[in-house]
Amino acid sequence: MKALYAHAARDLRLSPCDAGDPGAGEVRLRLARGGICGSDLHYYQHGGFGTVRLKEPMILGHEVSGHVEAVGDEVEGLVPGDLVAVSPSRPCGACGECLRGLPNHCLNMRFYGSAMPFPHIQGAFREVIVADAAQCVKAEGLSAAEAAMAEPLSVTLHAVRRAGSLVGKRVLVTGSGPIGVLAVLCARRAGAEEIIVTDIADGVLGFAREAGADMTLNTLSDPEALAPYQQGKGSVDVLFECSGAEPALRGGIAALRPQGLAVQLGMSGDMSIPLMQVTAKELSLMGSFRFHEEFGTAVALMQKGLIDVKPLLTHSFAFDDFQKAFDTAGDRSRAMKVQLEIA
């Protein structure tokens, strides 16, 4: 079977890869859809992000769904033919962080398509994969494309959970890519009263409006767009920074009211922050990294029709057209979420 490897920046290759048979507690999956994530784009465009660099060929991909082909011993609740959303998160369950109840910080994490450790953790853009049954959440009632959105939705659910109660709050989301738009959907579901979204491209801001944002602001065409929210000591309760861009974080911090909260989701290199504003306004600055138990919740919310991800699914390409798919995903003027039709 074939898998999509990143060898270096701008060097993707579809190459043979072994599949294997499922062992005890495992299932073999015929993968159906794979979403191209921001981290996949970083590996493709730059060979990594921040200090994380490709050091060997690595299979990309961690937003996937597929159909069960075979099950190993001791697997219950899954049968051949089932459509499942596949969590890329595989904590060891035995390290200090796992035992503290923080599996997303597992010291031995095997997260699909990650160059953070070496050897790298191979990803899921492949035709067939053997996965732990515990990674698989049945996705009946969803399309394969929707099921593959469980992973990015889990990222934003985790961030909203970290933020605490949003009931009645004014929320600012900086960055209107897939994570930013999903943050709008999750914040509204969590009770946010007003949601403002900023970006530097009008096209993606349209997706935020469709998702229910009360106000969308283009901070490229109008650098002072956030000024009304920055008056006095600020007027925003919670910031979800989804762009990974330092100007967005700085503008968001200026808009936060005293004792407001900034939640950083966007991944990039290190950024400098206006620390004296954080101090003087008694702000809380919080990171949000991956997810774990939120994955099943993400599938359930989609199945119940409480969160609709379909408007974000703008493009899909055959597996062999991976080059066109990645080039399209990198063009924010055309695409929101691009998926590969693996099977």
C-alpha atoms as a PDB file:
ATOM      1  CA  MET A   1       0.000   0.000   0.000  1.00  0.00           C
ATOM      2  CA  LYS A   2       1.025   3.636  -0.430  1.00  0.00           C
ATOM      3  CA  ALA A   3       1.753   6.407   2.050  1.00  0.00           C
ATOM      4  CA  LEU A   4       2.556  10.105   1.669  1.00  0.00           C
ATOM      5  CA  TYR A   5       6.026  10.963   2.972  1.00  0.00           C
ATOM      6  CA  ALA A   6       7.578  14.393   3.538  1.00  0.00           C
ATOM      7  CA  HIS A   7      11.302  14.164   2.850  1.00  0.00           C
ATOM      8  CA  ALA A   8      12.073  17.873   3.181  1.00  0.00           C
ATOM      9  CA  ALA A   9      10.473  21.228   2.437  1.00  0.00           C
ATOM     10  CA  ARG A  10       8.552  21.034  -0.876  1.00  0.00           C
ATOM     11  CA  ASP A  11       9.467  17.364  -1.231  1.00  0.00           C
ATOM     12  CA  LEU A  12       6.434  15.057  -0.893  1.00  0.00           C
ATOM     13  CA  ARG A  13       6.489  11.510  -2.255  1.00  0.00           C
ATOM     14  CA  LEU A  14       3.873   8.777  -2.473  1.00  0.00           C
ATOM     15  CA  SER A  15       5.814   5.613  -1.627  1.00  0.00           C
ATOM     16  CA  PRO A  16       5.181   1.995  -0.617  1.00  0.00           C
ATOM     17  CA  CYS A  17       4.570   1.263   3.057  1.00  0.00           C
ATOM     18  CA  ASP A  18       3.853  -1.955   4.941  1.00  0.00           C
ATOM     19  CA  ALA A  19       0.463  -2.368   6.619  1.00  0.00           C
ATOM     20  CA  GLY A  20       0.630  -5.433   8.848  1.00  0.00           C
ATOM     21  CA  ASP A  21      -2.049  -7.410  10.650  1.00  0.00           C
ATOM     22  CA  PRO A  22      -3.850  -6.303  13.805  1.00  0.00           C
ATOM     23  CA  GLY A  23      -2.716  -7.789  17.085  1.00  0.00           C
ATOM     24  CA  ALA A  24      -4.612  -8.010  20.334  1.00  0.00           C
ATOM     25  CA  GLY A  25      -6.565  -4.807  20.952  1.00  0.00           C
ATOM     26  CA  GLU A  26      -5.863  -3.512  17.454  1.00  0.00           C
ATOM     27  CA  VAL A  27      -7.807  -2.987  14.226  1.00  0.00           C
ATOM     28  CA  ARG A  28      -6.750  -2.674  10.615  1.00  0.00           C
ATOM     29  CA  LEU A  29      -8.344   0.291   8.876  1.00  0.00           C
ATOM     30  CA  ARG A  30      -8.814   1.205   5.226  1.00  0.00           C
ATOM     31  CA  LEU A  31      -8.449   4.967   5.491  1.00  0.00           C
ATOM     32  CA  ALA A  32     -11.059   7.066   3.700  1.00  0.00           C
ATOM     33  CA  ARG A  33     -10.337  10.761   4.279  1.00  0.00           C
ATOM     34  CA  GLY A  34      -7.414  12.773   5.566  1.00  0.00           C
ATOM     35  CA  GLY A  35      -7.490  16.487   6.344  1.00  0.00           C
ATOM     36  CA  ILE A  36      -4.441  18.649   5.702  1.00  0.00           C
ATOM     37  CA  CYS A  37      -3.593  20.464   8.935  1.00  0.00           C
ATOM     38  CA  GLY A  38      -1.524  23.573   9.558  1.00  0.00           C
ATOM     39  CA  SER A  39       1.328  21.431  10.884  1.00  0.00           C
ATOM     40  CA  ASP A  40       1.269  19.318   7.696  1.00  0.00           C
ATOM     41  CA  LEU A  41       1.598  22.555   5.732  1.00  0.00           C
ATOM     42  CA  HIS A  42       4.521  23.676   7.898  1.00  0.00           C
ATOM     43  CA  TYR A  43       6.350  20.414   7.161  1.00  0.00           C
ATOM     44  CA  TYR A  44       5.592  20.788   3.454  1.00  0.00           C
ATOM     45  CA  GLN A  45       6.373  24.485   3.102  1.00  0.00           C
ATOM     46  CA  HIS A  46       9.243  24.888   5.574  1.00  0.00           C
ATOM     47  CA  GLY A  47      10.400  21.426   6.644  1.00  0.00           C
ATOM     48  CA  GLY A  48       9.028  22.013  10.148  1.00  0.00           C
ATOM     49  CA  PHE A  49       8.064  24.812  12.532  1.00  0.00           C
ATOM     50  CA  GLY A  50      10.000  26.552  15.276  1.00  0.00           C
ATOM     51  CA  THR A  51      12.670  24.154  16.511  1.00  0.00           C
ATOM     52  CA  VAL A  52      10.792  21.099  15.172  1.00  0.00           C
ATOM     53  CA  ARG A  53      12.431  19.998  11.922  1.00  0.00           C
ATOM     54  CA  LEU A  54      12.241  16.992   9.649  1.00  0.00           C
ATOM     55  CA  LYS A  55      15.291  14.792  10.197  1.00  0.00           C
ATOM     56  CA  GLU A  56      14.094  11.752   8.254  1.00  0.00           C
ATOM     57  CA  PRO A  57      11.253  10.937   5.819  1.00  0.00           C
ATOM     58  CA  MET A  58       7.961  11.060   7.689  1.00  0.00           C
ATOM     59  CA  ILE A  59       4.418  10.084   6.734  1.00  0.00           C
ATOM     60  CA  LEU A  60       2.243  13.145   7.191  1.00  0.00           C
ATOM     61  CA  GLY A  61      -1.329  13.328   8.456  1.00  0.00           C
ATOM     62  CA  HIS A  62      -3.301  13.042  11.665  1.00  0.00           C
ATOM     63  CA  GLU A  63      -6.867  14.137  10.772  1.00  0.00           C
ATOM     64  CA  VAL A  64      -8.261  10.882   9.412  1.00  0.00           C
ATOM     65  CA  SER A  65     -11.234   8.569   9.212  1.00  0.00           C
ATOM     66  CA  GLY A  66     -11.592   5.105   7.767  1.00  0.00           C
ATOM     67  CA  HIS A  67     -13.418   1.806   7.674  1.00  0.00           C
ATOM     68  CA  VAL A  68     -12.568  -1.211   9.787  1.00  0.00           C
ATOM     69  CA  GLU A  69     -11.119  -4.039   7.663  1.00  0.00           C
ATOM     70  CA  ALA A  70     -10.161  -6.515  10.363  1.00  0.00           C
ATOM     71  CA  VAL A  71     -10.099  -6.712  14.150  1.00  0.00           C
ATOM     72  CA  GLY A  72      -7.612  -8.406  16.439  1.00  0.00           C
ATOM     73  CA  ASP A  73      -8.285 -10.420  19.555  1.00  0.00           C
ATOM     74  CA  GLU A  74      -9.857  -8.690  22.564  1.00  0.00           C
ATOM     75  CA  VAL A  75     -11.519  -6.000  20.411  1.00  0.00           C
ATOM     76  CA  GLU A  76     -15.164  -5.327  21.247  1.00  0.00           C
ATOM     77  CA  GLY A  77     -17.659  -2.949  19.700  1.00  0.00           C
ATOM     78  CA  LEU A  78     -16.000  -2.691  16.290  1.00  0.00           C
ATOM     79  CA  VAL A  79     -16.706  -4.878  13.272  1.00  0.00           C
ATOM     80  CA  PRO A  80     -15.516  -4.830   9.660  1.00  0.00           C
ATOM     81  CA  GLY A  81     -17.249  -2.093   7.712  1.00  0.00           C
ATOM     82  CA  ASP A  82     -17.641   0.351  10.616  1.00  0.00           C
ATOM     83  CA  LEU A  83     -16.767   3.961   9.814  1.00  0.00           C
ATOM     84  CA  VAL A  84     -14.549   5.364  12.550  1.00  0.00           C
ATOM     85  CA  ALA A  85     -12.896   8.650  13.385  1.00  0.00           C
ATOM     86  CA  VAL A  86      -9.290   7.892  14.327  1.00  0.00           C
ATOM     87  CA  SER A  87      -7.639   9.781  17.154  1.00  0.00           C
ATOM     88  CA  PRO A  88      -3.945  10.381  16.407  1.00  0.00           C
ATOM     89  CA  SER A  89      -3.220  10.604  20.135  1.00  0.00           C
ATOM     90  CA  ARG A  90      -1.551   7.515  21.611  1.00  0.00           C
ATOM     91  CA  PRO A  91      -0.258   8.253  25.128  1.00  0.00           C
ATOM     92  CA  CYS A  92       1.604   5.508  26.969  1.00  0.00           C
ATOM     93  CA  GLY A  93      -0.643   5.604  30.061  1.00  0.00           C
ATOM     94  CA  ALA A  94       2.287   4.866  32.363  1.00  0.00           C
ATOM     95  CA  CYS A  95       4.570   7.931  32.477  1.00  0.00           C
ATOM     96  CA  GLY A  96       4.414  10.621  35.120  1.00  0.00           C
ATOM     97  CA  GLU A  97       2.244  12.973  33.071  1.00  0.00           C
ATOM     98  CA  CYS A  98      -0.222  10.251  32.110  1.00  0.00           C
ATOM     99  CA  LEU A  99      -0.491   9.195  35.756  1.00  0.00           C
ATOM    100  CA  ARG A 100      -1.164  12.850  36.684  1.00  0.00           C
ATOM    101  CA  GLY A 101      -4.167  12.775  34.379  1.00  0.00           C
ATOM    102  CA  LEU A 102      -2.493  14.723  31.553  1.00  0.00           C
ATOM    103  CA  PRO A 103      -2.287  12.216  28.693  1.00  0.00           C
ATOM    104  CA  ASN A 104      -1.908  14.992  26.104  1.00  0.00           C
ATOM    105  CA  HIS A 105       1.462  15.703  27.755  1.00  0.00           C
ATOM    106  CA  CYS A 106       2.597  12.079  27.721  1.00  0.00           C
ATOM    107  CA  LEU A 107       6.379  11.804  27.878  1.00  0.00           C
ATOM    108  CA  ASN A 108       6.229   8.909  25.407  1.00  0.00           C
ATOM    109  CA  MET A 109       3.473  10.258  23.147  1.00  0.00           C
ATOM    110  CA  ARG A 110       3.064   8.630  19.751  1.00  0.00           C
ATOM    111  CA  PHE A 111       1.081  11.311  17.919  1.00  0.00           C
ATOM    112  CA  TYR A 112       0.624  10.617  14.221  1.00  0.00           C
ATOM    113  CA  GLY A 113       2.768  12.703  11.907  1.00  0.00           C
ATOM    114  CA  SER A 114       4.950  14.418  14.498  1.00  0.00           C
ATOM    115  CA  ALA A 115       8.626  15.288  14.048  1.00  0.00           C
ATOM    116  CA  MET A 116       8.929  16.418  17.679  1.00  0.00           C
ATOM    117  CA  PRO A 117      10.616  13.161  18.743  1.00  0.00           C
ATOM    118  CA  PHE A 118      13.300  11.300  16.820  1.00  0.00           C
ATOM    119  CA  PRO A 119      12.791   8.827  15.271  1.00  0.00           C
ATOM    120  CA  HIS A 120       9.696  10.677  14.088  1.00  0.00           C
ATOM    121  CA  ILE A 121       6.198   9.341  14.693  1.00  0.00           C
ATOM    122  CA  GLN A 122       4.878   8.234  11.314  1.00  0.00           C
ATOM    123  CA  GLY A 123       1.511   9.691  10.310  1.00  0.00           C
ATOM    124  CA  ALA A 124      -1.750   8.441   8.889  1.00  0.00           C
ATOM    125  CA  PHE A 125      -1.821   9.584   5.246  1.00  0.00           C
ATOM    126  CA  ARG A 126      -1.671   5.990   4.045  1.00  0.00           C
ATOM    127  CA  GLU A 127      -4.103   3.612   2.473  1.00  0.00           C
ATOM    128  CA  VAL A 128      -4.113   1.089   5.324  1.00  0.00           C
ATOM    129  CA  ILE A 129      -3.093   1.452   8.950  1.00  0.00           C
ATOM    130  CA  VAL A 130      -3.137  -0.734  12.059  1.00  0.00           C
ATOM    131  CA  ALA A 131      -4.402   1.295  15.027  1.00  0.00           C
ATOM    132  CA  ASP A 132      -5.304   0.669  18.632  1.00  0.00           C
ATOM    133  CA  ALA A 133      -9.015  -0.009  18.980  1.00  0.00           C
ATOM    134  CA  ALA A 134      -9.054   2.646  21.711  1.00  0.00           C
ATOM    135  CA  GLN A 135      -8.173   5.277  19.085  1.00  0.00           C
ATOM    136  CA  CYS A 136     -11.287   4.529  17.050  1.00  0.00           C
ATOM    137  CA  VAL A 137     -14.650   6.199  17.675  1.00  0.00           C
ATOM    138  CA  LYS A 138     -17.598   4.888  15.681  1.00  0.00           C
ATOM    139  CA  ALA A 139     -18.929   7.631  13.439  1.00  0.00           C
ATOM    140  CA  GLU A 140     -22.230   6.253  12.180  1.00  0.00           C
ATOM    141  CA  GLY A 141     -24.437   8.983  10.780  1.00  0.00           C
ATOM    142  CA  LEU A 142     -21.469  11.053   9.636  1.00  0.00           C
ATOM    143  CA  SER A 143     -19.708  11.161   6.307  1.00  0.00           C
ATOM    144  CA  ALA A 144     -16.069  10.121   6.174  1.00  0.00           C
ATOM    145  CA  ALA A 145     -15.216  13.785   5.526  1.00  0.00           C
ATOM    146  CA  GLU A 146     -17.013  14.911   8.678  1.00  0.00           C
ATOM    147  CA  ALA A 147     -15.485  12.118  10.757  1.00  0.00           C
ATOM    148  CA  ALA A 148     -12.000  13.274   9.750  1.00  0.00           C
ATOM    149  CA  MET A 149     -12.816  16.678  11.296  1.00  0.00           C
ATOM    150  CA  ALA A 150     -13.011  15.184  14.792  1.00  0.00           C
ATOM    151  CA  GLU A 151      -9.324  15.901  15.389  1.00  0.00           C
ATOM    152  CA  PRO A 152      -9.290  19.682  14.779  1.00  0.00           C
ATOM    153  CA  LEU A 153     -12.628  19.997  16.549  1.00  0.00           C
ATOM    154  CA  SER A 154     -11.068  18.232  19.547  1.00  0.00           C
ATOM    155  CA  VAL A 155      -8.263  20.815  19.589  1.00  0.00           C
ATOM    156  CA  THR A 156     -10.740  23.663  20.003  1.00  0.00           C
ATOM    157  CA  LEU A 157     -12.899  21.762  22.480  1.00  0.00           C
ATOM    158  CA  HIS A 158      -9.814  21.292  24.635  1.00  0.00           C
ATOM    159  CA  ALA A 159      -9.028  25.026  24.442  1.00  0.00           C
ATOM    160  CA  VAL A 160     -12.574  25.990  25.397  1.00  0.00           C
ATOM    161  CA  ARG A 161     -12.468  23.517  28.259  1.00  0.00           C
ATOM    162  CA  ARG A 162      -9.199  25.068  29.453  1.00  0.00           C
ATOM    163  CA  ALA A 163     -10.757  28.531  29.358  1.00  0.00           C
ATOM    164  CA  GLY A 164     -13.505  27.646  31.832  1.00  0.00           C
ATOM    165  CA  SER A 165     -17.001  29.104  31.722  1.00  0.00           C
ATOM    166  CA  LEU A 166     -17.710  31.293  28.693  1.00  0.00           C
ATOM    167  CA  VAL A 167     -21.348  31.961  29.575  1.00  0.00           C
ATOM    168  CA  GLY A 168     -22.118  35.589  28.885  1.00  0.00           C
ATOM    169  CA  LYS A 169     -18.516  36.390  27.921  1.00  0.00           C
ATOM    170  CA  ARG A 170     -17.150  38.549  25.108  1.00  0.00           C
ATOM    171  CA  VAL A 171     -14.700  36.373  23.176  1.00  0.00           C
ATOM    172  CA  LEU A 172     -12.053  37.413  20.653  1.00  0.00           C
ATOM    173  CA  VAL A 173     -10.694  34.850  18.173  1.00  0.00           C
ATOM    174  CA  THR A 174      -7.574  35.894  16.276  1.00  0.00           C
ATOM    175  CA  GLY A 175      -7.031  33.880  13.104  1.00  0.00           C
ATOM    176  CA  SER A 176      -9.918  32.619  10.993  1.00  0.00           C
ATOM    177  CA  GLY A 177      -8.448  29.410   9.635  1.00  0.00           C
ATOM    178  CA  PRO A 178     -10.068  26.045  10.419  1.00  0.00           C
ATOM    179  CA  ILE A 179      -9.046  26.165  14.091  1.00  0.00           C
ATOM    180  CA  GLY A 180     -10.308  29.727  14.469  1.00  0.00           C
ATOM    181  CA  VAL A 181     -13.672  28.950  12.867  1.00  0.00           C
ATOM    182  CA  LEU A 182     -14.040  25.808  14.977  1.00  0.00           C
ATOM    183  CA  ALA A 183     -13.207  27.929  18.032  1.00  0.00           C
ATOM    184  CA  VAL A 184     -16.152  30.173  17.107  1.00  0.00           C
ATOM    185  CA  LEU A 185     -18.471  27.153  16.953  1.00  0.00           C
ATOM    186  CA  CYS A 186     -17.207  25.754  20.262  1.00  0.00           C
ATOM    187  CA  ALA A 187     -17.269  29.096  22.085  1.00  0.00           C
ATOM    188  CA  ARG A 188     -20.844  29.704  21.013  1.00  0.00           C
ATOM    189  CA  ARG A 189     -21.845  26.194  22.096  1.00  0.00           C
ATOM    190  CA  ALA A 190     -20.174  26.982  25.458  1.00  0.00           C
ATOM    191  CA  GLY A 191     -22.308  30.081  25.986  1.00  0.00           C
ATOM    192  CA  ALA A 192     -20.238  33.002  24.675  1.00  0.00           C
ATOM    193  CA  GLU A 193     -22.505  36.037  24.280  1.00  0.00           C
ATOM    194  CA  GLU A 194     -20.395  37.961  21.765  1.00  0.00           C
ATOM    195  CA  ILE A 195     -17.671  36.655  19.447  1.00  0.00           C
ATOM    196  CA  ILE A 196     -15.287  38.870  17.469  1.00  0.00           C
ATOM    197  CA  VAL A 197     -12.937  37.362  14.887  1.00  0.00           C
ATOM    198  CA  THR A 198      -9.898  38.962  13.278  1.00  0.00           C
ATOM    199  CA  ASP A 199      -7.802  37.923  10.308  1.00  0.00           C
ATOM    200  CA  ILE A 200      -5.889  39.520   7.447  1.00  0.00           C
ATOM    201  CA  ALA A 201      -7.982  37.922   4.665  1.00  0.00           C
ATOM    202  CA  ASP A 202     -11.618  38.709   3.912  1.00  0.00           C
ATOM    203  CA  GLY A 203     -12.303  35.277   2.392  1.00  0.00           C
ATOM    204  CA  VAL A 204     -11.678  33.298   5.541  1.00  0.00           C
ATOM    205  CA  LEU A 205     -13.510  35.857   7.655  1.00  0.00           C
ATOM    206  CA  GLY A 206     -16.606  34.924   5.660  1.00  0.00           C
ATOM    207  CA  PHE A 207     -16.413  31.426   7.134  1.00  0.00           C
ATOM    208  CA  ALA A 208     -16.303  32.936  10.621  1.00  0.00           C
ATOM    209  CA  ARG A 209     -19.439  34.951   9.909  1.00  0.00           C
ATOM    210  CA  GLU A 210     -21.200  31.844   8.612  1.00  0.00           C
ATOM    211  CA  ALA A 211     -20.164  30.036  11.806  1.00  0.00           C
ATOM    212  CA  GLY A 212     -21.905  32.681  13.887  1.00  0.00           C
ATOM    213  CA  ALA A 213     -19.310  35.354  14.676  1.00  0.00           C
ATOM    214  CA  ASP A 214     -20.964  38.622  15.688  1.00  0.00           C
ATOM    215  CA  MET A 215     -18.180  40.792  14.253  1.00  0.00           C
ATOM    216  CA  THR A 216     -15.358  40.088  11.804  1.00  0.00           C
ATOM    217  CA  LEU A 217     -12.439  42.491  11.369  1.00  0.00           C
ATOM    218  CA  ASN A 218      -9.704  42.601   8.740  1.00  0.00           C
ATOM    219  CA  THR A 219      -6.672  43.907  10.599  1.00  0.00           C
ATOM    220  CA  LEU A 220      -4.611  44.174   7.398  1.00  0.00           C
ATOM    221  CA  SER A 221      -6.937  46.557   5.592  1.00  0.00           C
ATOM    222  CA  ASP A 222      -7.756  48.330   8.875  1.00  0.00           C
ATOM    223  CA  PRO A 223      -4.868  48.095  11.377  1.00  0.00           C
ATOM    224  CA  GLU A 224      -6.969  49.962  13.955  1.00  0.00           C
ATOM    225  CA  ALA A 225      -9.969  47.638  13.676  1.00  0.00           C
ATOM    226  CA  LEU A 226      -9.566  46.405  17.258  1.00  0.00           C
ATOM    227  CA  ALA A 227      -9.165  49.911  18.707  1.00  0.00           C
ATOM    228  CA  PRO A 228     -12.767  50.156  19.989  1.00  0.00           C
ATOM    229  CA  TYR A 229     -12.203  46.991  22.051  1.00  0.00           C
ATOM    230  CA  GLN A 230      -8.836  48.272  23.341  1.00  0.00           C
ATOM    231  CA  GLN A 231     -10.187  51.510  24.826  1.00  0.00           C
ATOM    232  CA  GLY A 232      -9.630  52.079  28.514  1.00  0.00           C
ATOM    233  CA  LYS A 233      -8.098  48.894  29.831  1.00  0.00           C
ATOM    234  CA  GLY A 234      -9.772  46.683  27.235  1.00  0.00           C
ATOM    235  CA  SER A 235     -13.189  45.036  26.994  1.00  0.00           C
ATOM    236  CA  VAL A 236     -12.672  41.413  25.942  1.00  0.00           C
ATOM    237  CA  ASP A 237     -13.018  38.619  28.491  1.00  0.00           C
ATOM    238  CA  VAL A 238     -11.290  35.751  26.685  1.00  0.00           C
ATOM    239  CA  LEU A 239      -8.871  35.636  23.738  1.00  0.00           C
ATOM    240  CA  PHE A 240      -8.387  32.486  21.667  1.00  0.00           C
ATOM    241  CA  GLU A 241      -5.236  33.165  19.657  1.00  0.00           C
ATOM    242  CA  CYS A 242      -5.391  30.764  16.698  1.00  0.00           C
ATOM    243  CA  SER A 243      -2.985  32.333  14.196  1.00  0.00           C
ATOM    244  CA  GLY A 244       0.423  31.876  15.787  1.00  0.00           C
ATOM    245  CA  ALA A 245       1.232  35.444  14.678  1.00  0.00           C
ATOM    246  CA  GLU A 246       2.835  37.820  17.159  1.00  0.00           C
ATOM    247  CA  PRO A 247       0.884  40.920  16.005  1.00  0.00           C
ATOM    248  CA  ALA A 248      -2.383  39.043  16.582  1.00  0.00           C
ATOM    249  CA  LEU A 249      -1.359  38.053  20.098  1.00  0.00           C
ATOM    250  CA  ARG A 250      -0.236  41.598  20.923  1.00  0.00           C
ATOM    251  CA  GLY A 251      -3.468  43.095  19.593  1.00  0.00           C
ATOM    252  CA  GLY A 252      -5.523  40.559  21.484  1.00  0.00           C
ATOM    253  CA  ILE A 253      -3.725  41.219  24.760  1.00  0.00           C
ATOM    254  CA  ALA A 254      -4.362  44.950  24.329  1.00  0.00           C
ATOM    255  CA  ALA A 255      -8.092  44.187  23.931  1.00  0.00           C
ATOM    256  CA  LEU A 256      -8.343  42.031  27.059  1.00  0.00           C
ATOM    257  CA  ARG A 257      -9.948  43.651  30.082  1.00  0.00           C
ATOM    258  CA  PRO A 258      -8.315  43.396  33.527  1.00  0.00           C
ATOM    259  CA  GLN A 259      -8.095  39.765  34.718  1.00  0.00           C
ATOM    260  CA  GLY A 260      -8.931  38.575  31.212  1.00  0.00           C
ATOM    261  CA  LEU A 261      -7.608  35.321  29.782  1.00  0.00           C
ATOM    262  CA  ALA A 262      -5.529  34.651  26.670  1.00  0.00           C
ATOM    263  CA  VAL A 263      -5.502  31.064  25.393  1.00  0.00           C
ATOM    264  CA  GLN A 264      -2.754  30.350  22.862  1.00  0.00           C
ATOM    265  CA  LEU A 265      -3.587  27.673  20.276  1.00  0.00           C
ATOM    266  CA  GLY A 266      -1.675  28.880  17.217  1.00  0.00           C
ATOM    267  CA  MET A 267       1.621  27.085  16.682  1.00  0.00           C
ATOM    268  CA  SER A 268       4.697  28.958  15.461  1.00  0.00           C
ATOM    269  CA  GLY A 269       8.098  29.933  16.743  1.00  0.00           C
ATOM    270  CA  ASP A 270       8.680  31.833  19.961  1.00  0.00           C
ATOM    271  CA  MET A 271       6.975  35.215  20.210  1.00  0.00           C
ATOM    272  CA  SER A 272       7.625  38.251  22.391  1.00  0.00           C
ATOM    273  CA  ILE A 273       4.646  39.545  24.355  1.00  0.00           C
ATOM    274  CA  PRO A 274       3.836  42.863  26.090  1.00  0.00           C
ATOM    275  CA  LEU A 275       4.584  41.477  29.528  1.00  0.00           C
ATOM    276  CA  MET A 276       3.914  44.717  31.354  1.00  0.00           C
ATOM    277  CA  GLN A 277       0.337  44.696  30.031  1.00  0.00           C
ATOM    278  CA  VAL A 278      -0.025  41.145  31.313  1.00  0.00           C
ATOM    279  CA  THR A 279       1.240  42.287  34.699  1.00  0.00           C
ATOM    280  CA  ALA A 280      -0.595  45.606  34.963  1.00  0.00           C
ATOM    281  CA  LYS A 281      -3.941  44.167  33.842  1.00  0.00           C
ATOM    282  CA  GLU A 282      -3.481  40.965  35.883  1.00  0.00           C
ATOM    283  CA  LEU A 283      -4.038  38.865  32.761  1.00  0.00           C
ATOM    284  CA  SER A 284      -3.810  35.096  32.603  1.00  0.00           C
ATOM    285  CA  LEU A 285      -1.852  33.606  29.701  1.00  0.00           C
ATOM    286  CA  MET A 286      -2.650  29.952  29.039  1.00  0.00           C
ATOM    287  CA  GLY A 287      -1.416  27.425  26.520  1.00  0.00           C
ATOM    288  CA  SER A 288      -3.625  24.785  24.932  1.00  0.00           C
ATOM    289  CA  PHE A 289      -1.936  21.753  23.406  1.00  0.00           C
ATOM    290  CA  ARG A 290      -3.679  18.901  21.587  1.00  0.00           C
ATOM    291  CA  PHE A 291      -6.465  17.039  23.427  1.00  0.00           C
ATOM    292  CA  HIS A 292      -7.406  13.567  24.625  1.00  0.00           C
ATOM    293  CA  GLU A 293     -10.831  12.729  26.019  1.00  0.00           C
ATOM    294  CA  GLU A 294     -12.387  15.530  23.945  1.00  0.00           C
ATOM    295  CA  PHE A 295     -12.110  13.360  20.830  1.00  0.00           C
ATOM    296  CA  GLY A 296     -15.187  11.270  21.601  1.00  0.00           C
ATOM    297  CA  THR A 297     -17.087  14.427  22.503  1.00  0.00           C
ATOM    298  CA  ALA A 298     -16.207  15.938  19.126  1.00  0.00           C
ATOM    299  CA  VAL A 299     -17.705  12.966  17.288  1.00  0.00           C
ATOM    300  CA  ALA A 300     -20.823  13.047  19.465  1.00  0.00           C
ATOM    301  CA  LEU A 301     -21.403  16.777  18.918  1.00  0.00           C
ATOM    302  CA  MET A 302     -21.270  16.277  15.164  1.00  0.00           C
ATOM    303  CA  GLN A 303     -23.525  13.221  15.301  1.00  0.00           C
ATOM    304  CA  LYS A 304     -26.130  15.145  17.307  1.00  0.00           C
ATOM    305  CA  GLY A 305     -26.058  18.051  14.880  1.00  0.00           C
ATOM    306  CA  LEU A 306     -24.858  20.443  17.588  1.00  0.00           C
ATOM    307  CA  ILE A 307     -21.746  21.419  15.613  1.00  0.00           C
ATOM    308  CA  ASP A 308     -21.783  21.424  11.812  1.00  0.00           C
ATOM    309  CA  VAL A 309     -18.350  21.220  10.187  1.00  0.00           C
ATOM    310  CA  LYS A 310     -19.573  20.720   6.620  1.00  0.00           C
ATOM    311  CA  PRO A 311     -19.257  24.412   5.615  1.00  0.00           C
ATOM    312  CA  LEU A 312     -15.526  24.223   6.345  1.00  0.00           C
ATOM    313  CA  LEU A 313     -14.951  21.367   3.881  1.00  0.00           C
ATOM    314  CA  THR A 314     -14.063  23.352   0.793  1.00  0.00           C
ATOM    315  CA  HIS A 315     -11.874  20.987  -1.267  1.00  0.00           C
ATOM    316  CA  SER A 316     -11.066  17.312  -1.661  1.00  0.00           C
ATOM    317  CA  PHE A 317      -8.521  15.647  -3.935  1.00  0.00           C
ATOM    318  CA  ALA A 318      -7.650  12.109  -4.929  1.00  0.00           C
ATOM    319  CA  PHE A 319      -4.701  10.684  -3.013  1.00  0.00           C
ATOM    320  CA  ASP A 320      -2.546  10.758  -6.156  1.00  0.00           C
ATOM    321  CA  ASP A 321      -3.230  14.499  -6.486  1.00  0.00           C
ATOM    322  CA  PHE A 322      -1.489  15.241  -3.181  1.00  0.00           C
ATOM    323  CA  GLN A 323       0.659  17.984  -4.704  1.00  0.00           C
ATOM    324  CA  LYS A 324      -2.356  19.943  -5.893  1.00  0.00           C
ATOM    325  CA  ALA A 325      -4.074  19.317  -2.566  1.00  0.00           C
ATOM    326  CA  PHE A 326      -1.188  20.780  -0.545  1.00  0.00           C
ATOM    327  CA  ASP A 327      -0.777  23.747  -2.864  1.00  0.00           C
ATOM    328  CA  THR A 328      -4.500  24.462  -2.568  1.00  0.00           C
ATOM    329  CA  ALA A 329      -4.432  24.099   1.228  1.00  0.00           C
ATOM    330  CA  GLY A 330      -1.637  26.655   1.355  1.00  0.00           C
ATOM    331  CA  ASP A 331      -3.699  29.231  -0.546  1.00  0.00           C
ATOM    332  CA  ARG A 332      -5.933  30.919   2.044  1.00  0.00           C
ATOM    333  CA  SER A 333      -7.677  32.922  -0.664  1.00  0.00           C
ATOM    334  CA  ARG A 334      -9.234  29.704  -2.004  1.00  0.00           C
ATOM    335  CA  ALA A 335      -9.391  27.078   0.713  1.00  0.00           C
ATOM    336  CA  MET A 336     -10.527  26.459   4.263  1.00  0.00           C
ATOM    337  CA  LYS A 337     -10.193  22.710   4.910  1.00  0.00           C
ATOM    338  CA  VAL A 338      -8.669  20.533   2.192  1.00  0.00           C
ATOM    339  CA  GLN A 339      -8.945  16.757   2.439  1.00  0.00           C
ATOM    340  CA  LEU A 340      -7.348  13.837   0.617  1.00  0.00           C
ATOM    341  CA  GLU A 341      -9.650  11.099  -0.653  1.00  0.00           C
ATOM    342  CA  ILE A 342      -7.435   8.246   0.429  1.00  0.00           C
ATOM    343  CA  ALA A 343      -9.922   5.511  -0.557  1.00  0.00           C
END
